[in-house]
Amino acid sequence: MRAERLSTFADSYHGLALRSGRLSVANCGSCHGVHNILPSSDPRSMINPANLTTTCGVCHPNAGENFARGPVHMTTEEKEGKTIAVIRLIYMMLIVVVIGGMLIHNALDFVRKSKHVLRRE
């Protein structure tokens, strides 16, 4: 997961806002620090769960404990979750059934018309 940190930031709200040219949005240093970068397990770290309300509160003054609860760096699989996976499965099954049904219908129609033409001759 560590190698994906930059790409997961780029896909987050802050990363997308930064790419769109908004300069007031948080970047890596805003949350992780500049000279005091520590692992989240360290109690002195800006991204330690106990410090997230304060860290987020720098840009979001009304941020409470619930505000900082959600994950920031999420992979595509984590974002999609089970609900999206179920919807994707249903959608793919519908595509197969509809297109497969259309192909079978057209093939049967072609066979029927071919037999009709062959009987005339």
N, C-alpha and C. Protein backbone atom coordinates (compact mmCIF):
# COMPACT_ATOMS: atom_id res chain seq x y z
N MET A 1 0.82 -1.20 0.00
CA MET A 1 0.00 0.00 0.00
C MET A 1 0.86 1.26 0.00
N ARG A 2 2.06 1.21 0.62
CA ARG A 2 2.91 2.40 0.70
C ARG A 2 3.25 2.95 -0.68
N ALA A 3 3.52 2.08 -1.65
CA ALA A 3 3.88 2.53 -2.99
C ALA A 3 2.72 3.23 -3.69
N GLU A 4 1.50 2.95 -3.27
CA GLU A 4 0.33 3.54 -3.91
C GLU A 4 -0.07 4.88 -3.27
N ARG A 5 0.63 5.34 -2.26
CA ARG A 5 0.23 6.55 -1.54
C ARG A 5 0.07 7.76 -2.46
N LEU A 6 1.04 7.99 -3.34
CA LEU A 6 0.96 9.16 -4.21
C LEU A 6 -0.23 9.07 -5.16
N SER A 7 -0.46 7.90 -5.74
CA SER A 7 -1.59 7.77 -6.67
C SER A 7 -2.92 7.85 -5.92
N THR A 8 -2.98 7.34 -4.69
CA THR A 8 -4.24 7.45 -3.94
C THR A 8 -4.49 8.88 -3.51
N PHE A 9 -3.43 9.66 -3.25
CA PHE A 9 -3.60 11.08 -2.95
C PHE A 9 -4.08 11.80 -4.20
N ALA A 10 -3.51 11.47 -5.34
CA ALA A 10 -3.88 12.14 -6.59
C ALA A 10 -5.36 11.93 -6.92
N ASP A 11 -5.92 10.80 -6.51
CA ASP A 11 -7.33 10.50 -6.78
C ASP A 11 -8.26 11.01 -5.68
N SER A 12 -7.71 11.53 -4.59
CA SER A 12 -8.54 12.04 -3.49
C SER A 12 -9.03 13.44 -3.83
N TYR A 13 -9.93 13.97 -3.00
CA TYR A 13 -10.43 15.33 -3.22
C TYR A 13 -9.27 16.32 -3.28
N HIS A 14 -8.35 16.24 -2.32
CA HIS A 14 -7.24 17.19 -2.27
C HIS A 14 -6.35 17.08 -3.51
N GLY A 15 -6.07 15.87 -3.94
CA GLY A 15 -5.24 15.67 -5.13
C GLY A 15 -5.90 16.21 -6.38
N LEU A 16 -7.19 15.95 -6.53
CA LEU A 16 -7.92 16.45 -7.71
C LEU A 16 -7.99 17.97 -7.71
N ALA A 17 -8.21 18.56 -6.54
CA ALA A 17 -8.26 20.02 -6.45
C ALA A 17 -6.90 20.63 -6.76
N LEU A 18 -5.84 20.00 -6.30
CA LEU A 18 -4.49 20.47 -6.57
C LEU A 18 -4.18 20.40 -8.06
N ARG A 19 -4.56 19.30 -8.71
CA ARG A 19 -4.34 19.16 -10.15
C ARG A 19 -5.13 20.16 -10.96
N SER A 20 -6.29 20.58 -10.44
CA SER A 20 -7.10 21.53 -11.18
C SER A 20 -6.61 22.97 -11.00
N GLY A 21 -5.55 23.14 -10.21
CA GLY A 21 -4.93 24.45 -10.08
C GLY A 21 -5.26 25.18 -8.80
N ARG A 22 -6.00 24.59 -7.93
CA ARG A 22 -6.35 25.25 -6.66
C ARG A 22 -5.14 25.16 -5.72
N LEU A 23 -4.56 26.29 -5.41
CA LEU A 23 -3.32 26.32 -4.62
C LEU A 23 -3.55 26.30 -3.12
N SER A 24 -4.77 26.57 -2.68
CA SER A 24 -5.04 26.62 -1.24
C SER A 24 -5.39 25.26 -0.66
N VAL A 25 -5.36 24.23 -1.44
CA VAL A 25 -5.73 22.89 -0.98
C VAL A 25 -4.53 22.21 -0.31
N ALA A 26 -4.82 21.29 0.58
CA ALA A 26 -3.76 20.57 1.31
C ALA A 26 -2.93 19.72 0.35
N ASN A 27 -1.62 19.69 0.61
CA ASN A 27 -0.73 18.80 -0.13
C ASN A 27 -0.12 17.82 0.87
N CYS A 28 0.83 17.04 0.47
CA CYS A 28 1.42 16.02 1.35
C CYS A 28 1.95 16.62 2.65
N GLY A 29 2.68 17.75 2.53
CA GLY A 29 3.28 18.39 3.70
C GLY A 29 2.25 18.94 4.67
N SER A 30 1.07 19.28 4.16
CA SER A 30 0.03 19.84 5.02
C SER A 30 -0.41 18.83 6.08
N CYS A 31 -0.46 17.59 5.74
CA CYS A 31 -0.92 16.55 6.69
C CYS A 31 0.23 15.79 7.33
N HIS A 32 1.28 15.53 6.57
CA HIS A 32 2.37 14.69 7.07
C HIS A 32 3.49 15.50 7.70
N GLY A 33 3.49 16.82 7.50
CA GLY A 33 4.57 17.66 8.01
C GLY A 33 5.67 17.79 6.99
N VAL A 34 6.63 18.64 7.32
CA VAL A 34 7.73 18.87 6.39
C VAL A 34 9.03 18.31 6.96
N HIS A 35 9.39 18.75 8.15
CA HIS A 35 10.63 18.28 8.77
C HIS A 35 10.37 17.29 9.90
N ASN A 36 9.11 17.07 10.19
CA ASN A 36 8.76 16.17 11.29
C ASN A 36 7.90 15.00 10.81
N ILE A 37 8.28 14.41 9.69
CA ILE A 37 7.51 13.31 9.12
C ILE A 37 7.77 12.05 9.94
N LEU A 38 6.70 11.57 10.54
CA LEU A 38 6.79 10.39 11.41
C LEU A 38 5.70 9.39 11.01
N PRO A 39 5.88 8.11 11.31
CA PRO A 39 4.84 7.13 11.00
C PRO A 39 3.57 7.40 11.82
N SER A 40 2.45 7.01 11.30
CA SER A 40 1.18 7.27 11.98
C SER A 40 1.11 6.60 13.35
N SER A 41 1.93 5.60 13.59
CA SER A 41 1.93 4.92 14.88
C SER A 41 2.63 5.75 15.97
N ASP A 42 3.44 6.72 15.57
CA ASP A 42 4.16 7.57 16.53
C ASP A 42 3.20 8.62 17.09
N PRO A 43 3.07 8.73 18.41
CA PRO A 43 2.13 9.70 19.00
C PRO A 43 2.45 11.15 18.66
N ARG A 44 3.69 11.45 18.22
CA ARG A 44 4.06 12.82 17.83
C ARG A 44 3.70 13.12 16.38
N SER A 45 3.33 12.11 15.62
CA SER A 45 3.02 12.28 14.20
C SER A 45 1.75 13.10 14.00
N MET A 46 1.77 13.95 12.99
CA MET A 46 0.59 14.75 12.65
C MET A 46 -0.56 13.87 12.19
N ILE A 47 -0.22 12.69 11.67
CA ILE A 47 -1.26 11.79 11.16
C ILE A 47 -1.58 10.65 12.12
N ASN A 48 -1.09 10.74 13.33
CA ASN A 48 -1.49 9.78 14.36
C ASN A 48 -2.98 9.98 14.62
N PRO A 49 -3.77 8.91 14.74
CA PRO A 49 -5.21 9.06 14.93
C PRO A 49 -5.61 10.05 16.03
N ALA A 50 -4.80 10.15 17.08
CA ALA A 50 -5.12 11.08 18.17
C ALA A 50 -4.90 12.54 17.76
N ASN A 51 -4.11 12.77 16.70
CA ASN A 51 -3.79 14.14 16.27
C ASN A 51 -4.54 14.59 15.02
N LEU A 52 -5.31 13.71 14.42
CA LEU A 52 -5.95 14.04 13.14
C LEU A 52 -6.93 15.20 13.24
N THR A 53 -7.66 15.30 14.32
CA THR A 53 -8.61 16.40 14.46
C THR A 53 -7.86 17.74 14.42
N THR A 54 -6.72 17.81 15.08
CA THR A 54 -5.92 19.03 15.08
C THR A 54 -5.32 19.28 13.71
N THR A 55 -4.78 18.24 13.08
CA THR A 55 -4.17 18.38 11.76
C THR A 55 -5.20 18.84 10.73
N CYS A 56 -6.35 18.20 10.70
CA CYS A 56 -7.40 18.58 9.75
C CYS A 56 -7.98 19.96 10.10
N GLY A 57 -7.99 20.27 11.41
CA GLY A 57 -8.54 21.53 11.88
C GLY A 57 -7.79 22.75 11.41
N VAL A 58 -6.55 22.59 10.96
CA VAL A 58 -5.78 23.72 10.44
C VAL A 58 -6.50 24.32 9.22
N CYS A 59 -6.98 23.46 8.34
CA CYS A 59 -7.69 23.93 7.14
C CYS A 59 -9.21 23.91 7.32
N HIS A 60 -9.68 23.01 8.17
CA HIS A 60 -11.12 22.84 8.40
C HIS A 60 -11.40 23.14 9.87
N PRO A 61 -11.63 24.43 10.20
CA PRO A 61 -11.75 24.84 11.61
C PRO A 61 -12.84 24.10 12.41
N ASN A 62 -13.89 23.67 11.78
CA ASN A 62 -14.98 23.00 12.50
C ASN A 62 -14.86 21.47 12.48
N ALA A 63 -13.71 20.99 12.05
CA ALA A 63 -13.52 19.54 11.95
C ALA A 63 -13.51 18.91 13.34
N GLY A 64 -14.38 17.93 13.51
CA GLY A 64 -14.43 17.20 14.77
C GLY A 64 -13.84 15.82 14.61
N GLU A 65 -14.09 14.96 15.58
CA GLU A 65 -13.55 13.60 15.53
C GLU A 65 -14.09 12.82 14.35
N ASN A 66 -15.37 12.98 14.04
CA ASN A 66 -15.97 12.25 12.91
C ASN A 66 -15.41 12.71 11.58
N PHE A 67 -15.03 13.98 11.49
CA PHE A 67 -14.49 14.51 10.24
C PHE A 67 -13.22 13.77 9.84
N ALA A 68 -12.36 13.52 10.79
CA ALA A 68 -11.07 12.90 10.52
C ALA A 68 -11.13 11.38 10.53
N ARG A 69 -12.30 10.82 10.66
CA ARG A 69 -12.44 9.37 10.78
C ARG A 69 -12.23 8.63 9.46
N GLY A 70 -12.67 9.21 8.37
CA GLY A 70 -12.59 8.53 7.07
C GLY A 70 -11.17 8.45 6.55
N PRO A 71 -10.87 7.42 5.79
CA PRO A 71 -9.53 7.28 5.23
C PRO A 71 -9.30 8.27 4.09
N VAL A 72 -8.07 8.72 3.95
CA VAL A 72 -7.71 9.66 2.89
C VAL A 72 -7.11 8.92 1.71
N HIS A 73 -6.19 8.03 2.00
CA HIS A 73 -5.52 7.27 0.94
C HIS A 73 -6.26 5.95 0.73
N MET A 74 -7.10 5.90 -0.31
CA MET A 74 -7.86 4.68 -0.58
C MET A 74 -7.57 4.20 -1.99
N THR A 75 -7.34 2.90 -2.15
CA THR A 75 -7.16 2.33 -3.47
C THR A 75 -8.52 2.22 -4.15
N THR A 76 -8.52 1.97 -5.42
CA THR A 76 -9.77 1.84 -6.16
C THR A 76 -10.63 0.73 -5.58
N GLU A 77 -10.01 -0.39 -5.21
CA GLU A 77 -10.75 -1.51 -4.65
C GLU A 77 -11.43 -1.12 -3.34
N GLU A 78 -10.73 -0.36 -2.52
CA GLU A 78 -11.30 0.07 -1.25
C GLU A 78 -12.44 1.05 -1.46
N LYS A 79 -12.32 1.92 -2.46
CA LYS A 79 -13.37 2.90 -2.74
C LYS A 79 -14.64 2.22 -3.20
N GLU A 80 -14.48 1.22 -4.04
CA GLU A 80 -15.65 0.59 -4.63
C GLU A 80 -16.49 -0.16 -3.61
N GLY A 81 -15.84 -0.90 -2.75
CA GLY A 81 -16.57 -1.62 -1.72
C GLY A 81 -17.46 -2.71 -2.31
N LYS A 82 -18.20 -3.36 -1.43
CA LYS A 82 -19.04 -4.49 -1.83
C LYS A 82 -20.25 -4.06 -2.64
N THR A 83 -20.84 -2.91 -2.31
CA THR A 83 -22.04 -2.47 -3.02
C THR A 83 -21.75 -2.25 -4.49
N ILE A 84 -20.68 -1.54 -4.78
CA ILE A 84 -20.32 -1.28 -6.17
C ILE A 84 -19.97 -2.58 -6.88
N ALA A 85 -19.31 -3.49 -6.18
CA ALA A 85 -18.95 -4.78 -6.78
C ALA A 85 -20.21 -5.56 -7.17
N VAL A 86 -21.23 -5.54 -6.32
CA VAL A 86 -22.49 -6.24 -6.62
C VAL A 86 -23.19 -5.57 -7.81
N ILE A 87 -23.24 -4.25 -7.80
CA ILE A 87 -23.87 -3.53 -8.91
C ILE A 87 -23.13 -3.81 -10.21
N ARG A 88 -21.79 -3.81 -10.16
CA ARG A 88 -20.99 -4.10 -11.36
C ARG A 88 -21.29 -5.52 -11.87
N LEU A 89 -21.40 -6.49 -10.96
CA LEU A 89 -21.70 -7.87 -11.35
C LEU A 89 -23.07 -7.96 -12.02
N ILE A 90 -24.07 -7.31 -11.42
CA ILE A 90 -25.41 -7.33 -12.01
C ILE A 90 -25.39 -6.69 -13.39
N TYR A 91 -24.71 -5.56 -13.51
CA TYR A 91 -24.62 -4.86 -14.78
C TYR A 91 -23.96 -5.73 -15.85
N MET A 92 -22.86 -6.39 -15.49
CA MET A 92 -22.17 -7.25 -16.46
C MET A 92 -23.05 -8.43 -16.87
N MET A 93 -23.78 -9.00 -15.90
CA MET A 93 -24.68 -10.10 -16.24
C MET A 93 -25.79 -9.62 -17.18
N LEU A 94 -26.32 -8.43 -16.94
CA LEU A 94 -27.35 -7.89 -17.83
C LEU A 94 -26.82 -7.68 -19.24
N ILE A 95 -25.60 -7.19 -19.34
CA ILE A 95 -25.00 -6.99 -20.67
C ILE A 95 -24.89 -8.32 -21.40
N VAL A 96 -24.41 -9.34 -20.71
CA VAL A 96 -24.25 -10.66 -21.33
C VAL A 96 -25.62 -11.21 -21.76
N VAL A 97 -26.61 -11.11 -20.88
CA VAL A 97 -27.94 -11.63 -21.19
C VAL A 97 -28.58 -10.87 -22.35
N VAL A 98 -28.51 -9.55 -22.33
CA VAL A 98 -29.16 -8.75 -23.39
C VAL A 98 -28.46 -8.95 -24.73
N ILE A 99 -27.14 -8.81 -24.76
CA ILE A 99 -26.43 -8.97 -26.03
C ILE A 99 -26.46 -10.42 -26.48
N GLY A 100 -26.30 -11.36 -25.54
CA GLY A 100 -26.39 -12.78 -25.90
C GLY A 100 -27.77 -13.12 -26.43
N GLY A 101 -28.81 -12.60 -25.76
CA GLY A 101 -30.17 -12.84 -26.24
C GLY A 101 -30.40 -12.25 -27.63
N MET A 102 -29.85 -11.07 -27.87
CA MET A 102 -29.98 -10.44 -29.19
C MET A 102 -29.28 -11.29 -30.26
N LEU A 103 -28.09 -11.78 -29.94
CA LEU A 103 -27.35 -12.60 -30.91
C LEU A 103 -28.10 -13.90 -31.21
N ILE A 104 -28.62 -14.56 -30.18
CA ILE A 104 -29.39 -15.79 -30.38
C ILE A 104 -30.64 -15.50 -31.19
N HIS A 105 -31.35 -14.43 -30.87
CA HIS A 105 -32.55 -14.05 -31.61
C HIS A 105 -32.23 -13.81 -33.08
N ASN A 106 -31.17 -13.04 -33.34
CA ASN A 106 -30.79 -12.76 -34.73
C ASN A 106 -30.35 -14.02 -35.47
N ALA A 107 -29.66 -14.91 -34.79
CA ALA A 107 -29.23 -16.16 -35.43
C ALA A 107 -30.44 -17.03 -35.77
N LEU A 108 -31.40 -17.16 -34.85
CA LEU A 108 -32.61 -17.94 -35.12
C LEU A 108 -33.43 -17.31 -36.24
N ASP A 109 -33.49 -15.97 -36.25
CA ASP A 109 -34.22 -15.28 -37.31
C ASP A 109 -33.55 -15.50 -38.66
N PHE A 110 -32.22 -15.48 -38.69
CA PHE A 110 -31.49 -15.72 -39.93
C PHE A 110 -31.74 -17.14 -40.44
N VAL A 111 -31.71 -18.12 -39.52
CA VAL A 111 -31.96 -19.51 -39.92
C VAL A 111 -33.37 -19.65 -40.48
N ARG A 112 -34.36 -19.05 -39.81
CA ARG A 112 -35.75 -19.13 -40.27
C ARG A 112 -35.91 -18.51 -41.66
N LYS A 113 -35.31 -17.33 -41.88
CA LYS A 113 -35.42 -16.66 -43.17
C LYS A 113 -34.68 -17.44 -44.26
N SER A 114 -33.54 -18.04 -43.90
CA SER A 114 -32.79 -18.82 -44.87
C SER A 114 -33.59 -20.03 -45.32
N LYS A 115 -34.25 -20.71 -44.37
CA LYS A 115 -35.08 -21.86 -44.73
C LYS A 115 -36.22 -21.43 -45.64
N HIS A 116 -36.81 -20.27 -45.36
CA HIS A 116 -37.92 -19.76 -46.19
C HIS A 116 -37.46 -19.47 -47.61
N VAL A 117 -36.26 -18.89 -47.74
CA VAL A 117 -35.72 -18.59 -49.08
C VAL A 117 -35.38 -19.87 -49.81
N LEU A 118 -34.83 -20.87 -49.13
CA LEU A 118 -34.45 -22.12 -49.76
C LEU A 118 -35.68 -22.93 -50.22
N ARG A 119 -36.78 -22.81 -49.51
CA ARG A 119 -38.02 -23.50 -49.91
C ARG A 119 -38.59 -22.92 -51.19
N ARG A 120 -38.40 -21.63 -51.45
CA ARG A 120 -38.91 -20.99 -52.67
C ARG A 120 -38.19 -21.50 -53.90
N GLU A 121 -36.92 -21.82 -53.73
CA GLU A 121 -36.13 -22.19 -54.91
C GLU A 121 -36.39 -23.56 -55.37
